[in-house]
N, C-alpha and C. Protein backbone atom coordinates (compact mmCIF):
# COMPACT_ATOMS: atom_id res chain seq x y z
N MET A 1 0.84 -1.17 0.00
CA MET A 1 0.00 0.00 0.00
C MET A 1 0.89 1.24 0.00
N SER A 2 0.49 2.22 -0.75
CA SER A 2 1.23 3.47 -0.74
C SER A 2 0.23 4.61 -0.76
N GLY A 3 0.70 5.77 -0.44
CA GLY A 3 -0.16 6.95 -0.43
C GLY A 3 0.55 8.10 0.23
N ASN A 4 -0.15 9.20 0.35
CA ASN A 4 0.39 10.39 1.01
C ASN A 4 0.01 10.38 2.48
N LEU A 5 0.96 10.69 3.31
CA LEU A 5 0.76 10.72 4.75
C LEU A 5 -0.18 11.85 5.13
N LEU A 6 -1.21 11.55 5.92
CA LEU A 6 -2.11 12.59 6.40
C LEU A 6 -1.57 13.18 7.70
N ASP A 7 -1.71 14.47 7.82
CA ASP A 7 -1.40 15.12 9.09
C ASP A 7 -2.60 15.98 9.46
N THR A 8 -2.54 16.60 10.61
CA THR A 8 -3.69 17.38 11.08
C THR A 8 -3.91 18.65 10.26
N GLY A 9 -3.00 18.96 9.34
CA GLY A 9 -3.17 20.11 8.47
C GLY A 9 -3.64 19.74 7.08
N ALA A 10 -3.92 18.44 6.84
CA ALA A 10 -4.37 18.00 5.52
C ALA A 10 -5.69 18.67 5.15
N VAL A 11 -5.87 18.97 3.88
CA VAL A 11 -7.11 19.57 3.39
C VAL A 11 -8.02 18.42 2.94
N ILE A 12 -9.11 18.23 3.70
CA ILE A 12 -10.02 17.12 3.46
C ILE A 12 -11.44 17.67 3.45
N GLY A 13 -12.26 17.16 2.53
CA GLY A 13 -13.65 17.58 2.45
C GLY A 13 -14.58 16.38 2.44
N CYS A 14 -15.82 16.60 2.86
CA CYS A 14 -16.83 15.55 2.76
C CYS A 14 -17.32 15.53 1.31
N PRO A 15 -18.10 14.53 0.90
CA PRO A 15 -18.52 14.45 -0.50
C PRO A 15 -19.41 15.60 -0.95
N HIS A 16 -19.91 16.40 0.01
CA HIS A 16 -20.83 17.48 -0.31
C HIS A 16 -20.19 18.86 -0.16
N GLY A 17 -18.91 18.90 0.16
CA GLY A 17 -18.20 20.17 0.25
C GLY A 17 -17.95 20.68 1.65
N GLY A 18 -18.33 19.92 2.68
CA GLY A 18 -18.02 20.31 4.06
C GLY A 18 -16.54 20.14 4.34
N ARG A 19 -16.06 20.78 5.39
CA ARG A 19 -14.64 20.71 5.75
C ARG A 19 -14.43 19.68 6.85
N VAL A 20 -13.46 18.81 6.64
CA VAL A 20 -13.12 17.76 7.61
C VAL A 20 -11.88 18.19 8.37
N THR A 21 -11.96 18.17 9.70
CA THR A 21 -10.81 18.54 10.53
C THR A 21 -10.67 17.55 11.68
N ALA A 22 -9.46 17.46 12.18
CA ALA A 22 -9.19 16.60 13.34
C ALA A 22 -9.80 17.24 14.58
N ALA A 23 -10.66 16.50 15.26
CA ALA A 23 -11.29 17.00 16.48
C ALA A 23 -10.41 16.79 17.69
N THR A 24 -9.47 15.86 17.57
CA THR A 24 -8.60 15.54 18.70
C THR A 24 -7.15 15.61 18.28
N PRO A 25 -6.65 16.81 17.98
CA PRO A 25 -5.24 16.89 17.62
C PRO A 25 -4.38 16.55 18.84
N PRO A 26 -3.35 15.74 18.64
CA PRO A 26 -2.52 15.33 19.76
C PRO A 26 -1.62 16.45 20.25
N ALA A 27 -1.35 16.42 21.53
CA ALA A 27 -0.43 17.41 22.12
C ALA A 27 1.01 17.05 21.76
N GLY A 28 1.29 15.78 21.66
CA GLY A 28 2.64 15.32 21.34
C GLY A 28 2.61 14.49 20.09
N GLY A 29 3.34 13.41 20.07
CA GLY A 29 3.31 12.51 18.94
C GLY A 29 4.25 12.92 17.82
N LEU A 30 4.22 12.14 16.78
CA LEU A 30 5.08 12.36 15.63
C LEU A 30 4.59 13.56 14.83
N ARG A 31 5.55 14.40 14.43
CA ARG A 31 5.21 15.57 13.62
C ARG A 31 6.05 15.58 12.35
N VAL A 32 5.44 16.05 11.26
CA VAL A 32 6.13 16.22 10.00
C VAL A 32 5.92 17.67 9.59
N ALA A 33 7.00 18.38 9.39
CA ALA A 33 6.94 19.81 9.04
C ALA A 33 6.07 20.58 10.02
N GLY A 34 6.11 20.20 11.29
CA GLY A 34 5.40 20.90 12.35
C GLY A 34 3.97 20.45 12.58
N ALA A 35 3.41 19.64 11.70
CA ALA A 35 2.03 19.18 11.86
C ALA A 35 2.01 17.75 12.39
N ALA A 36 1.08 17.48 13.31
CA ALA A 36 0.96 16.14 13.88
C ALA A 36 0.49 15.15 12.83
N VAL A 37 1.12 13.98 12.79
CA VAL A 37 0.74 12.92 11.87
C VAL A 37 -0.59 12.34 12.33
N ALA A 38 -1.53 12.18 11.38
CA ALA A 38 -2.84 11.63 11.70
C ALA A 38 -2.75 10.12 11.88
N THR A 39 -3.41 9.63 12.91
CA THR A 39 -3.43 8.19 13.18
C THR A 39 -4.87 7.72 13.33
N ALA A 40 -5.02 6.40 13.40
CA ALA A 40 -6.34 5.81 13.58
C ALA A 40 -6.96 6.21 14.91
N ALA A 41 -6.18 6.75 15.84
CA ALA A 41 -6.70 7.16 17.14
C ALA A 41 -7.37 8.54 17.10
N HIS A 42 -7.15 9.30 16.03
CA HIS A 42 -7.75 10.64 15.93
C HIS A 42 -9.22 10.55 15.55
N HIS A 43 -9.99 11.51 16.05
CA HIS A 43 -11.39 11.64 15.67
C HIS A 43 -11.52 12.84 14.76
N TYR A 44 -12.32 12.71 13.71
CA TYR A 44 -12.50 13.78 12.74
C TYR A 44 -13.95 14.23 12.71
N VAL A 45 -14.16 15.54 12.57
CA VAL A 45 -15.50 16.12 12.48
C VAL A 45 -15.63 16.86 11.15
N VAL A 46 -16.89 17.05 10.74
CA VAL A 46 -17.20 17.76 9.50
C VAL A 46 -18.00 19.00 9.86
N THR A 47 -17.63 20.13 9.28
CA THR A 47 -18.39 21.36 9.46
C THR A 47 -18.76 21.91 8.09
N GLY A 48 -19.90 22.57 8.04
CA GLY A 48 -20.31 23.24 6.82
C GLY A 48 -20.83 22.34 5.72
N CYS A 49 -21.25 21.13 6.04
CA CYS A 49 -21.80 20.23 5.02
C CYS A 49 -23.23 20.67 4.68
N PRO A 50 -23.52 20.94 3.41
CA PRO A 50 -24.85 21.41 3.02
C PRO A 50 -25.83 20.30 2.61
N HIS A 51 -25.47 19.04 2.81
CA HIS A 51 -26.27 17.93 2.31
C HIS A 51 -27.69 17.93 2.87
N THR A 52 -28.66 17.69 1.99
CA THR A 52 -30.06 17.55 2.40
C THR A 52 -30.66 16.33 1.71
N VAL A 53 -31.69 15.77 2.34
CA VAL A 53 -32.47 14.68 1.76
C VAL A 53 -33.93 15.09 1.86
N ASP A 54 -34.60 15.20 0.72
CA ASP A 54 -35.99 15.66 0.68
C ASP A 54 -36.16 16.97 1.44
N ARG A 55 -35.23 17.88 1.22
CA ARG A 55 -35.21 19.24 1.81
C ARG A 55 -34.98 19.26 3.32
N VAL A 56 -34.60 18.12 3.88
CA VAL A 56 -34.28 18.04 5.31
C VAL A 56 -32.76 18.00 5.43
N PRO A 57 -32.17 18.93 6.19
CA PRO A 57 -30.71 18.91 6.37
C PRO A 57 -30.25 17.59 7.01
N THR A 58 -29.30 16.94 6.35
CA THR A 58 -28.69 15.72 6.87
C THR A 58 -27.19 15.80 6.63
N PRO A 59 -26.55 16.78 7.24
CA PRO A 59 -25.12 17.01 6.96
C PRO A 59 -24.23 15.90 7.50
N CYS A 60 -23.10 15.77 6.85
CA CYS A 60 -22.03 14.92 7.39
C CYS A 60 -21.53 15.60 8.66
N VAL A 61 -21.28 14.84 9.72
CA VAL A 61 -20.79 15.41 10.96
C VAL A 61 -19.52 14.75 11.48
N THR A 62 -19.24 13.54 11.00
CA THR A 62 -18.06 12.83 11.47
C THR A 62 -17.49 11.95 10.36
N VAL A 63 -16.23 11.58 10.52
CA VAL A 63 -15.57 10.68 9.58
C VAL A 63 -14.92 9.56 10.38
N ARG A 64 -15.10 8.34 9.89
CA ARG A 64 -14.43 7.18 10.48
C ARG A 64 -13.43 6.65 9.47
N TRP A 65 -12.17 6.58 9.90
CA TRP A 65 -11.08 6.09 9.05
C TRP A 65 -10.74 4.68 9.44
N THR A 66 -10.33 3.89 8.47
CA THR A 66 -9.82 2.54 8.71
C THR A 66 -8.38 2.53 8.23
N ALA A 67 -7.47 2.51 9.17
CA ALA A 67 -6.05 2.49 8.80
C ALA A 67 -5.71 1.12 8.24
N GLY A 68 -5.11 1.11 7.08
CA GLY A 68 -4.69 -0.15 6.47
C GLY A 68 -3.54 -0.77 7.24
N ARG A 69 -3.22 -1.94 6.90
CA ARG A 69 -2.12 -2.65 7.55
C ARG A 69 -0.82 -2.33 6.84
N THR A 70 -0.40 -1.10 6.97
CA THR A 70 0.83 -0.66 6.30
C THR A 70 2.06 -1.04 7.09
N GLY A 71 1.88 -1.25 8.39
CA GLY A 71 3.02 -1.51 9.24
C GLY A 71 3.66 -0.22 9.74
N ILE A 72 3.15 0.92 9.27
CA ILE A 72 3.68 2.21 9.71
C ILE A 72 2.84 2.71 10.87
N THR A 73 3.51 2.98 11.99
CA THR A 73 2.80 3.46 13.17
C THR A 73 3.46 4.71 13.73
N ALA A 74 2.68 5.47 14.48
CA ALA A 74 3.19 6.62 15.23
C ALA A 74 2.70 6.42 16.65
N ASP A 75 3.61 6.36 17.59
CA ASP A 75 3.27 6.07 18.98
C ASP A 75 2.49 4.76 19.10
N GLY A 76 2.80 3.78 18.24
CA GLY A 76 2.18 2.47 18.30
C GLY A 76 0.81 2.38 17.63
N VAL A 77 0.34 3.46 17.01
CA VAL A 77 -0.98 3.47 16.38
C VAL A 77 -0.79 3.63 14.87
N PRO A 78 -1.53 2.88 14.05
CA PRO A 78 -1.37 2.99 12.60
C PRO A 78 -1.62 4.42 12.10
N VAL A 79 -0.76 4.87 11.18
CA VAL A 79 -0.93 6.21 10.58
C VAL A 79 -1.98 6.14 9.48
N LEU A 80 -2.53 7.29 9.13
CA LEU A 80 -3.51 7.38 8.05
C LEU A 80 -2.86 7.92 6.79
N LEU A 81 -3.20 7.31 5.67
CA LEU A 81 -2.74 7.76 4.36
C LEU A 81 -3.96 8.26 3.59
N ASP A 82 -3.72 9.02 2.54
CA ASP A 82 -4.86 9.47 1.74
C ASP A 82 -5.55 8.32 1.01
N THR A 83 -4.94 7.14 1.03
CA THR A 83 -5.53 5.95 0.44
C THR A 83 -6.23 5.08 1.48
N SER A 84 -6.20 5.48 2.75
CA SER A 84 -6.88 4.73 3.81
C SER A 84 -8.39 4.81 3.60
N ALA A 85 -9.09 3.72 3.87
CA ALA A 85 -10.54 3.70 3.72
C ALA A 85 -11.18 4.61 4.76
N ALA A 86 -12.21 5.34 4.34
CA ALA A 86 -12.91 6.24 5.26
C ALA A 86 -14.35 6.41 4.80
N GLN A 87 -15.20 6.82 5.73
CA GLN A 87 -16.61 7.05 5.44
C GLN A 87 -17.10 8.23 6.27
N CYS A 88 -17.84 9.13 5.64
CA CYS A 88 -18.49 10.23 6.34
C CYS A 88 -19.86 9.75 6.82
N PHE A 89 -20.28 10.26 7.99
CA PHE A 89 -21.56 9.86 8.57
C PHE A 89 -22.36 11.08 9.00
N SER A 90 -23.69 10.93 8.96
CA SER A 90 -24.58 11.96 9.50
C SER A 90 -24.66 11.78 11.01
N ALA A 91 -25.40 12.68 11.67
CA ALA A 91 -25.57 12.58 13.12
C ALA A 91 -26.31 11.29 13.49
N ALA A 92 -27.13 10.77 12.57
CA ALA A 92 -27.86 9.52 12.81
C ALA A 92 -27.02 8.30 12.41
N LEU A 93 -25.73 8.52 12.13
CA LEU A 93 -24.78 7.48 11.73
C LEU A 93 -25.13 6.81 10.40
N VAL A 94 -25.75 7.60 9.51
CA VAL A 94 -26.04 7.11 8.16
C VAL A 94 -24.81 7.39 7.29
N PRO A 95 -24.27 6.36 6.62
CA PRO A 95 -23.11 6.58 5.73
C PRO A 95 -23.49 7.55 4.61
N GLN A 96 -22.58 8.51 4.34
CA GLN A 96 -22.87 9.54 3.34
C GLN A 96 -21.83 9.61 2.23
N GLY A 97 -20.87 8.71 2.26
CA GLY A 97 -19.85 8.69 1.22
C GLY A 97 -18.46 8.94 1.78
N PRO A 98 -17.44 8.66 0.98
CA PRO A 98 -16.06 8.84 1.44
C PRO A 98 -15.62 10.30 1.37
N PRO A 99 -14.73 10.69 2.26
CA PRO A 99 -14.17 12.04 2.18
C PRO A 99 -13.19 12.14 1.02
N ALA A 100 -12.94 13.36 0.60
CA ALA A 100 -11.99 13.62 -0.49
C ALA A 100 -10.78 14.34 0.08
N VAL A 101 -9.61 13.73 -0.04
CA VAL A 101 -8.37 14.36 0.41
C VAL A 101 -7.85 15.20 -0.74
N GLN A 102 -7.76 16.51 -0.51
CA GLN A 102 -7.32 17.43 -1.56
C GLN A 102 -5.84 17.76 -1.46
N ALA A 103 -5.28 17.67 -0.27
CA ALA A 103 -3.86 17.94 -0.07
C ALA A 103 -3.38 17.18 1.16
N ALA A 104 -2.24 16.53 1.03
CA ALA A 104 -1.66 15.77 2.12
C ALA A 104 -0.15 15.96 2.12
N GLN A 105 0.52 15.27 3.04
CA GLN A 105 1.97 15.39 3.18
C GLN A 105 2.72 14.58 2.14
N ARG A 106 3.81 14.02 2.53
CA ARG A 106 4.73 13.32 1.63
C ARG A 106 4.27 11.91 1.29
N LYS A 107 4.72 11.44 0.15
CA LYS A 107 4.43 10.10 -0.35
C LYS A 107 5.10 9.05 0.53
N VAL A 108 4.34 8.00 0.86
CA VAL A 108 4.85 6.87 1.65
C VAL A 108 4.61 5.61 0.85
N THR A 109 5.63 4.78 0.71
CA THR A 109 5.49 3.51 0.00
C THR A 109 5.92 2.39 0.93
N VAL A 110 5.04 1.40 1.10
CA VAL A 110 5.34 0.26 1.96
C VAL A 110 5.54 -0.95 1.07
N ARG A 111 6.63 -1.67 1.32
CA ARG A 111 6.92 -2.86 0.52
C ARG A 111 6.90 -4.09 1.36
């Protein structure tokens, strides 16, 4: 598996244009260019999602990432890559589609 390393400064959006940000940025941990490396332990929230169903607002509010088995860890927790599986969810935990990573850190290749 290969991909770009995600950090807490990565530009990520929900499928409807909302902004995805880390809700639990770590105080310590591994940093790349000053930004904390994102891991499977981080929680992500979505703000500004305009999604509606039958004119009822049903915005994305959270993202769940599944860190692949890359073997790359930070503080013993798998890191997230822009190729890691993820799903955006509404407040009712209805899947709303995968987030779109628009900008991430450096390329990582695992062999």
